[in-house]
N, C-alpha and C. Protein backbone atom coordinates (compact mmCIF):
# COMPACT_ATOMS: atom_id res chain seq x y z
N MET A 1 0.16 25.77 -16.29
CA MET A 1 -0.41 24.94 -14.80
C MET A 1 -0.43 23.77 -15.05
N ASN A 2 -1.28 22.95 -16.76
CA ASN A 2 -1.85 21.69 -16.14
C ASN A 2 0.32 20.97 -16.97
N LEU A 3 0.86 21.63 -17.88
CA LEU A 3 2.37 21.37 -18.10
C LEU A 3 2.84 20.95 -17.03
N GLY A 4 2.83 21.89 -15.32
CA GLY A 4 3.54 21.11 -14.39
C GLY A 4 2.99 20.01 -14.14
N ILE A 5 1.86 20.15 -13.80
CA ILE A 5 1.08 18.97 -12.64
C ILE A 5 1.47 17.38 -14.39
N PHE A 6 2.06 17.65 -15.37
CA PHE A 6 2.53 16.95 -16.59
C PHE A 6 3.22 16.23 -16.43
N ILE A 7 4.18 17.11 -16.04
CA ILE A 7 5.69 17.02 -15.51
C ILE A 7 6.08 16.02 -14.07
N ILE A 8 4.71 15.72 -13.20
CA ILE A 8 4.75 15.87 -12.18
C ILE A 8 4.69 14.70 -12.17
N GLY A 9 3.64 14.32 -12.33
CA GLY A 9 2.97 12.95 -12.55
C GLY A 9 4.07 12.25 -13.63
N ALA A 10 5.23 12.31 -14.61
CA ALA A 10 5.77 11.79 -15.17
C ALA A 10 6.76 11.69 -13.76
N ILE A 11 7.89 12.59 -13.62
CA ILE A 11 8.50 12.27 -12.94
C ILE A 11 8.39 11.58 -11.75
N THR A 12 6.98 11.32 -11.03
CA THR A 12 6.26 10.33 -10.65
C THR A 12 6.77 8.70 -11.10
N PHE A 13 6.85 8.36 -12.58
CA PHE A 13 6.23 7.42 -12.60
C PHE A 13 8.45 6.99 -12.78
N PHE A 14 8.16 8.58 -13.30
CA PHE A 14 10.03 7.37 -13.97
C PHE A 14 10.96 7.68 -12.25
N ILE A 15 10.73 8.11 -11.34
CA ILE A 15 11.73 7.71 -10.43
C ILE A 15 10.91 6.31 -9.13
N ALA A 16 9.90 6.06 -10.11
CA ALA A 16 9.14 4.58 -9.54
C ALA A 16 9.74 3.28 -9.70
N PHE A 17 9.77 4.40 -11.30
CA PHE A 17 10.19 3.00 -11.99
C PHE A 17 12.11 2.17 -11.97
N SER A 18 12.05 4.10 -11.60
CA SER A 18 13.83 3.44 -11.30
C SER A 18 13.80 2.44 -9.84
N PHE A 19 13.36 2.73 -9.13
CA PHE A 19 13.43 1.93 -7.92
C PHE A 19 13.16 0.08 -8.40
N PHE A 20 12.33 0.41 -9.20
CA PHE A 20 11.53 -1.14 -9.45
C PHE A 20 13.36 -1.23 -10.46
N LYS A 21 13.61 -0.89 -11.26
CA LYS A 21 15.26 -1.45 -12.55
C LYS A 21 15.81 -1.69 -11.13
N VAL A 22 16.57 -0.68 -9.89
CA VAL A 22 17.40 -1.36 -9.06
C VAL A 22 17.32 -3.08 -8.59
N SER A 23 15.81 -2.95 -7.82
CA SER A 23 16.31 -4.18 -7.51
C SER A 23 15.50 -5.32 -8.04
N ALA A 24 15.65 -5.21 -9.64
CA ALA A 24 15.43 -6.37 -10.50
C ALA A 24 16.81 -6.62 -10.70
N PHE A 25 18.18 -5.24 -10.66
CA PHE A 25 18.84 -5.43 -11.41
C PHE A 25 19.90 -5.87 -10.17
N LYS A 26 19.31 -5.32 -8.66
CA LYS A 26 20.19 -6.36 -7.48
C LYS A 26 19.77 -8.11 -7.62
N LYS A 27 18.94 -8.39 -8.32
CA LYS A 27 18.17 -9.76 -8.48
C LYS A 27 18.77 -10.85 -9.28
N THR A 28 19.43 -9.79 -10.53
CA THR A 28 20.04 -10.84 -11.06
C THR A 28 21.18 -10.03 -11.61
N LYS A 29 21.65 -9.59 -10.51
CA LYS A 29 23.24 -9.12 -10.78
C LYS A 29 24.22 -10.42 -10.98
N ASN A 30 23.54 -11.55 -10.15
CA ASN A 30 24.61 -12.12 -10.81
C ASN A 30 24.78 -13.43 -12.43
N ALA A 31 23.94 -13.31 -12.61
CA ALA A 31 23.30 -14.00 -14.16
C ALA A 31 23.92 -13.21 -15.03
N GLU A 32 24.43 -14.50 -15.83
CA GLU A 32 25.39 -14.24 -17.19
C GLU A 32 24.13 -13.37 -18.21
N PRO A 33 24.13 -12.26 -18.68
CA PRO A 33 23.44 -11.49 -19.46
C PRO A 33 23.72 -11.49 -21.18
N SER A 34 23.03 -11.45 -21.76
CA SER A 34 23.76 -12.26 -23.35
C SER A 34 23.29 -10.34 -24.39
N TRP A 35 24.17 -9.68 -25.29
CA TRP A 35 23.56 -8.26 -25.24
C TRP A 35 22.40 -8.64 -26.46
N LEU A 36 21.55 -9.99 -26.78
CA LEU A 36 20.58 -9.77 -27.24
C LEU A 36 19.05 -9.56 -26.52
N LYS A 37 19.79 -10.50 -25.58
CA LYS A 37 18.69 -10.19 -24.38
C LYS A 37 18.82 -9.15 -23.02
N LEU A 38 19.92 -8.45 -23.18
CA LEU A 38 20.09 -6.42 -22.53
C LEU A 38 19.16 -5.85 -23.92
N VAL A 39 19.38 -5.41 -24.93
CA VAL A 39 18.66 -4.85 -25.97
C VAL A 39 17.81 -4.96 -25.94
N ALA A 40 16.88 -6.79 -25.81
CA ALA A 40 15.52 -6.31 -25.87
C ALA A 40 15.10 -6.26 -24.44
N VAL A 41 15.81 -5.93 -23.31
CA VAL A 41 15.13 -5.81 -22.63
C VAL A 41 15.12 -4.18 -21.92
N PHE A 42 15.87 -3.57 -23.16
CA PHE A 42 16.30 -2.33 -22.76
C PHE A 42 14.65 -1.66 -24.25
N PHE A 43 14.70 -2.31 -24.93
CA PHE A 43 13.18 -1.81 -25.45
C PHE A 43 12.03 -1.89 -24.77
N ALA A 44 11.81 -3.38 -23.81
CA ALA A 44 10.71 -3.48 -23.62
C ALA A 44 10.26 -2.22 -21.90
N ASP A 45 12.00 -2.57 -21.49
CA ASP A 45 12.23 -0.99 -20.70
C ASP A 45 11.50 0.18 -20.86
N TYR A 46 12.53 0.46 -22.73
CA TYR A 46 11.45 1.94 -22.75
C TYR A 46 10.25 2.45 -23.18
N LEU A 47 9.86 1.05 -23.81
CA LEU A 47 7.88 1.34 -23.85
C LEU A 47 7.60 1.45 -22.59
N VAL A 48 8.04 1.10 -21.82
CA VAL A 48 7.42 0.48 -20.62
C VAL A 48 7.45 1.99 -19.53
N LEU A 49 8.24 2.88 -19.98
CA LEU A 49 8.67 3.68 -19.55
C LEU A 49 7.54 4.94 -20.03
N ALA A 50 8.25 5.00 -21.57
CA ALA A 50 7.39 5.92 -22.34
C ALA A 50 6.16 5.76 -22.27
N THR A 51 5.19 4.84 -22.14
CA THR A 51 3.72 4.46 -22.21
C THR A 51 3.33 5.03 -20.79
N GLY A 52 4.39 4.81 -19.71
CA GLY A 52 3.69 4.85 -18.39
C GLY A 52 4.30 6.35 -17.50
N VAL A 53 4.85 7.25 -18.99
CA VAL A 53 4.83 8.14 -18.64
C VAL A 53 4.32 9.35 -18.85
N LEU A 54 3.28 8.71 -20.21
CA LEU A 54 2.80 9.37 -20.74
C LEU A 54 1.20 9.38 -19.85
N ILE A 55 0.86 8.37 -19.90
CA ILE A 55 0.18 7.45 -18.38
C ILE A 55 -0.64 8.38 -16.96
N SER A 56 0.73 8.79 -16.71
CA SER A 56 0.91 8.73 -15.36
C SER A 56 0.57 10.99 -15.18
N GLY A 57 1.33 11.66 -16.34
CA GLY A 57 1.04 12.78 -16.83
C GLY A 57 -0.24 13.19 -16.53
N ILE A 58 -1.56 11.97 -17.64
CA ILE A 58 -2.38 12.45 -18.31
C ILE A 58 -2.62 12.58 -17.41
N VAL A 59 -3.16 11.20 -16.05
CA VAL A 59 -3.67 11.06 -15.37
C VAL A 59 -3.25 12.23 -13.91
N PHE A 60 -2.31 12.89 -14.20
CA PHE A 60 -2.63 13.77 -13.04
C PHE A 60 -2.40 15.06 -13.06
N VAL A 61 -3.11 15.67 -14.64
CA VAL A 61 -3.66 16.38 -15.15
C VAL A 61 -5.10 16.62 -14.94
N SER A 62 -5.63 15.22 -15.56
CA SER A 62 -6.68 14.65 -15.25
C SER A 62 -7.65 14.52 -13.71
N ILE A 63 -6.78 14.84 -13.01
CA ILE A 63 -7.57 14.43 -11.80
C ILE A 63 -7.56 15.78 -11.42
N PHE A 64 -6.42 17.33 -11.70
CA PHE A 64 -6.01 18.22 -11.11
C PHE A 64 -7.11 19.24 -11.92
N ASN A 65 -8.00 18.68 -13.46
CA ASN A 65 -8.62 19.20 -13.85
C ASN A 65 -9.73 18.76 -13.62
N PHE A 66 -10.91 18.33 -12.88
CA PHE A 66 -11.50 17.03 -12.04
C PHE A 66 -11.74 18.09 -10.62
N ALA A 67 -10.61 18.21 -10.38
CA ALA A 67 -10.88 19.16 -9.19
C ALA A 67 -10.84 20.13 -8.78
N HIS A 68 -10.52 20.82 -9.26
CA HIS A 68 -10.68 22.07 -9.92
C HIS A 68 -11.34 22.72 -11.39
N GLY A 69 -12.33 21.79 -11.43
CA GLY A 69 -13.85 22.51 -12.04
C GLY A 69 -12.62 22.35 -13.70
């Protein structure tokens, strides 16, 4: 049961972060990208995504365990 709750937390963060990235992409669509900037943004986004998925999953499981004793 905890794994399912963890996955739900991870999916929730992933969807929210995806909406954020789509919005940011629309605002910067006309900017001239360079490969170095794109790689830097990729690694920053990856770190935020991995950390956020882990933390969101842990928070969801913690809340579930607290609510169910």
